[in-house]
Amino acid sequence: MTMNPRKSMILATLLGIQFTPPVLAEDALVTFKSLSPAVALEMAQAALESCRAEGFQVAVAVVDRMGVAQVVLRDRFAGPHTPDTSVRKAWTAISFRADTLLMAERTGPESPQSGARFIENVLMLGGGIPVLVSGSIVAGIGISGAPSGKADHACAQAGIDAVADKLELAG
């Protein structure tokens, strides 16, 4: 007995629907981790203290994984430009998923990546580091005001190191 082609197509469609796993609401959503305000503040304070110990007056910013500032601290004698600069360094670090000290080296005027320096809000100066937990970015930290990008970077790393026991850091 042969089945009408139209009935065969309908039957095949119904069988396909029956054996297709349902799409659940959570399949349509993305979840991610972010630093709590308390940990972001602790990280910023540790970075600020690290710079102070070296005699540097700086601003420290911690941005969330979307680049929005969670914490901005400016030491009393840090320059007026340092809060904005620290936020931009942290934002750049999470945007490019790389520390800005490395990015500053790789985007010099003669490099093929030099155009990245012209993206709005990007700041290719050392001192911005993405904060990774289990390989995912949860925040970025940026420092501005030390005498060099390397010094800013070291203070940022000290801030991350200070909260490492609260995080499963990878990367």
Protein backbone atom coordinates (compact mmCIF):
# COMPACT_ATOMS: atom_id res chain seq x y z
CA MET A 1 0.00 0.00 0.00
CA THR A 2 1.44 3.37 -0.97
CA MET A 3 0.79 6.48 0.99
CA ASN A 4 -0.19 9.75 -0.56
CA PRO A 5 2.99 11.94 -0.84
CA ARG A 6 1.24 14.76 0.97
CA LYS A 7 0.28 12.46 3.86
CA SER A 8 3.87 11.12 3.94
CA MET A 9 5.23 14.65 4.29
CA ILE A 10 2.78 15.48 7.08
CA LEU A 11 3.60 12.24 8.90
CA ALA A 12 7.35 12.87 8.55
CA THR A 13 6.93 16.42 9.86
CA LEU A 14 4.89 15.24 12.84
CA LEU A 15 7.44 12.54 13.66
CA GLY A 16 10.24 15.07 13.36
CA ILE A 17 8.49 17.45 15.71
CA GLN A 18 7.82 14.66 18.18
CA PHE A 19 11.46 13.61 18.37
CA THR A 20 12.95 17.10 18.36
CA PRO A 21 14.03 18.16 21.85
CA PRO A 22 12.06 21.14 23.14
CA VAL A 23 13.75 24.52 23.19
CA LEU A 24 13.79 25.62 26.79
CA ALA A 25 13.68 29.21 27.95
CA GLU A 26 17.13 28.92 29.51
CA ASP A 27 18.57 27.88 26.14
CA ALA A 28 17.70 31.37 24.91
CA LEU A 29 19.44 33.14 27.78
CA VAL A 30 23.09 33.66 28.59
CA THR A 31 24.37 33.66 32.14
CA PHE A 32 27.63 35.13 33.28
CA LYS A 33 29.54 35.97 36.42
CA SER A 34 30.41 39.42 37.64
CA LEU A 35 32.34 40.71 40.63
CA SER A 36 30.34 41.75 43.64
CA PRO A 37 30.71 45.44 44.55
CA ALA A 38 32.54 44.42 47.74
CA VAL A 39 35.18 42.40 45.86
CA ALA A 40 35.54 45.11 43.19
CA LEU A 41 36.14 47.67 45.95
CA GLU A 42 38.61 45.40 47.74
CA MET A 43 40.54 44.93 44.48
CA ALA A 44 40.64 48.68 43.84
CA GLN A 45 41.77 49.45 47.39
CA ALA A 46 44.55 46.86 47.21
CA ALA A 47 45.77 48.29 43.91
CA LEU A 48 45.70 51.82 45.35
CA GLU A 49 47.68 50.67 48.41
CA SER A 50 50.22 48.93 46.18
CA CYS A 51 50.82 52.15 44.26
CA ARG A 52 50.99 54.19 47.46
CA ALA A 53 53.65 51.82 48.82
CA GLU A 54 55.73 52.71 45.75
CA GLY A 55 55.11 56.43 46.28
CA PHE A 56 52.64 56.79 43.38
CA GLN A 57 49.43 58.82 43.51
CA VAL A 58 46.99 57.15 41.13
CA ALA A 59 43.39 56.53 40.21
CA VAL A 60 42.05 52.99 40.08
CA ALA A 61 38.98 51.82 38.18
CA VAL A 62 37.25 48.46 38.18
CA VAL A 63 34.75 47.93 35.38
CA ASP A 64 32.33 45.05 35.05
CA ARG A 65 32.47 42.60 32.15
CA MET A 66 30.40 45.01 30.04
CA GLY A 67 32.82 47.88 30.66
CA VAL A 68 30.65 49.84 33.08
CA ALA A 69 32.54 51.32 36.04
CA GLN A 70 31.87 49.59 39.36
CA VAL A 71 34.52 51.40 41.40
CA VAL A 72 36.67 54.45 40.76
CA LEU A 73 39.12 55.61 43.44
CA ARG A 74 41.42 58.62 43.07
CA ASP A 75 44.20 59.26 45.54
CA ARG A 76 44.24 62.84 46.80
CA PHE A 77 47.20 64.02 44.69
CA ALA A 78 46.54 62.02 41.53
CA GLY A 79 46.12 64.14 38.43
CA PRO A 80 42.67 65.25 37.31
CA HIS A 81 42.94 63.11 34.15
CA THR A 82 43.59 59.88 36.05
CA PRO A 83 40.01 58.75 36.85
CA ASP A 84 38.95 58.87 33.19
CA THR A 85 42.23 57.32 32.05
CA SER A 86 41.93 54.43 34.50
CA VAL A 87 38.37 53.66 33.36
CA ARG A 88 39.47 53.72 29.70
CA LYS A 89 42.38 51.36 30.41
CA ALA A 90 40.08 48.90 32.20
CA TRP A 91 37.50 49.20 29.39
CA THR A 92 40.18 48.58 26.76
CA ALA A 93 41.43 45.51 28.61
CA ILE A 94 38.00 43.85 28.67
CA SER A 95 37.15 44.96 25.13
CA PHE A 96 40.26 43.40 23.64
CA ARG A 97 40.51 40.59 26.21
CA ALA A 98 44.17 41.49 26.79
CA ASP A 99 46.24 43.61 29.12
CA THR A 100 46.92 47.09 27.82
CA LEU A 101 50.67 46.88 28.44
CA LEU A 102 50.82 44.12 25.83
CA MET A 103 48.35 45.96 23.58
CA ALA A 104 50.46 49.13 23.73
CA GLU A 105 53.43 47.16 22.39
CA ARG A 106 51.43 45.40 19.67
CA THR A 107 49.59 48.44 18.32
CA GLY A 108 52.50 50.81 17.73
CA PRO A 109 52.46 53.18 14.75
CA GLU A 110 54.16 50.71 12.39
CA SER A 111 52.10 47.65 13.33
CA PRO A 112 49.20 46.29 11.26
CA GLN A 113 47.02 46.66 14.40
CA SER A 114 47.78 50.37 14.87
CA GLY A 115 44.26 51.29 13.76
CA ALA A 116 42.89 49.89 17.03
CA ARG A 117 44.25 53.01 18.72
CA PHE A 118 41.64 55.10 16.89
CA ILE A 119 38.60 53.28 18.26
CA GLU A 120 36.59 55.54 20.55
CA ASN A 121 37.46 55.16 24.27
CA VAL A 122 40.38 52.80 23.56
CA LEU A 123 43.55 53.68 25.45
CA MET A 124 46.63 51.67 24.58
CA LEU A 125 48.73 52.49 27.62
CA GLY A 126 49.91 49.97 30.19
CA GLY A 127 47.84 49.60 33.35
CA GLY A 128 44.65 47.82 32.25
CA ILE A 129 44.17 44.10 32.92
CA PRO A 130 41.13 41.87 32.32
CA VAL A 131 40.10 39.84 35.37
CA LEU A 132 39.46 36.22 34.41
CA VAL A 133 37.60 33.57 36.37
CA SER A 134 37.66 30.07 34.87
CA GLY A 135 38.66 31.59 31.54
CA SER A 136 35.81 34.13 31.42
CA ILE A 137 36.16 37.86 31.90
CA VAL A 138 34.34 39.05 35.01
CA ALA A 139 35.86 42.54 35.24
CA GLY A 140 38.71 44.77 34.22
CA ILE A 141 41.01 46.89 36.36
CA GLY A 142 42.82 50.02 35.24
CA ILE A 143 45.41 52.23 36.93
CA SER A 144 46.55 55.70 35.91
CA GLY A 145 49.10 58.01 37.48
CA ALA A 146 52.23 55.95 38.14
CA PRO A 147 55.34 57.08 36.26
CA SER A 148 55.05 54.32 33.63
CA GLY A 149 52.64 51.84 32.14
CA LYS A 150 54.68 49.04 33.68
CA ALA A 151 54.24 50.55 37.15
CA ASP A 152 50.48 51.00 36.54
CA HIS A 153 50.33 47.37 35.39
CA ALA A 154 52.12 46.12 38.50
CA CYS A 155 49.65 47.93 40.77
CA ALA A 156 46.69 46.54 38.81
CA GLN A 157 48.10 43.02 39.14
CA ALA A 158 48.55 43.57 42.89
CA GLY A 159 44.86 44.42 43.11
CA ILE A 160 43.90 41.20 41.31
CA ASP A 161 46.30 39.17 43.43
CA ALA A 162 44.74 40.58 46.60
CA VAL A 163 41.36 39.00 45.79
CA ALA A 164 42.63 35.83 44.10
CA ASP A 165 41.64 33.74 47.11
CA LYS A 166 38.02 34.78 46.50
CA LEU A 167 38.13 33.82 42.83
CA GLU A 168 39.18 30.83 40.76
CA LEU A 169 41.57 32.79 38.59
CA ALA A 170 42.67 31.37 35.29
CA GLY A 171 44.40 32.90 32.36
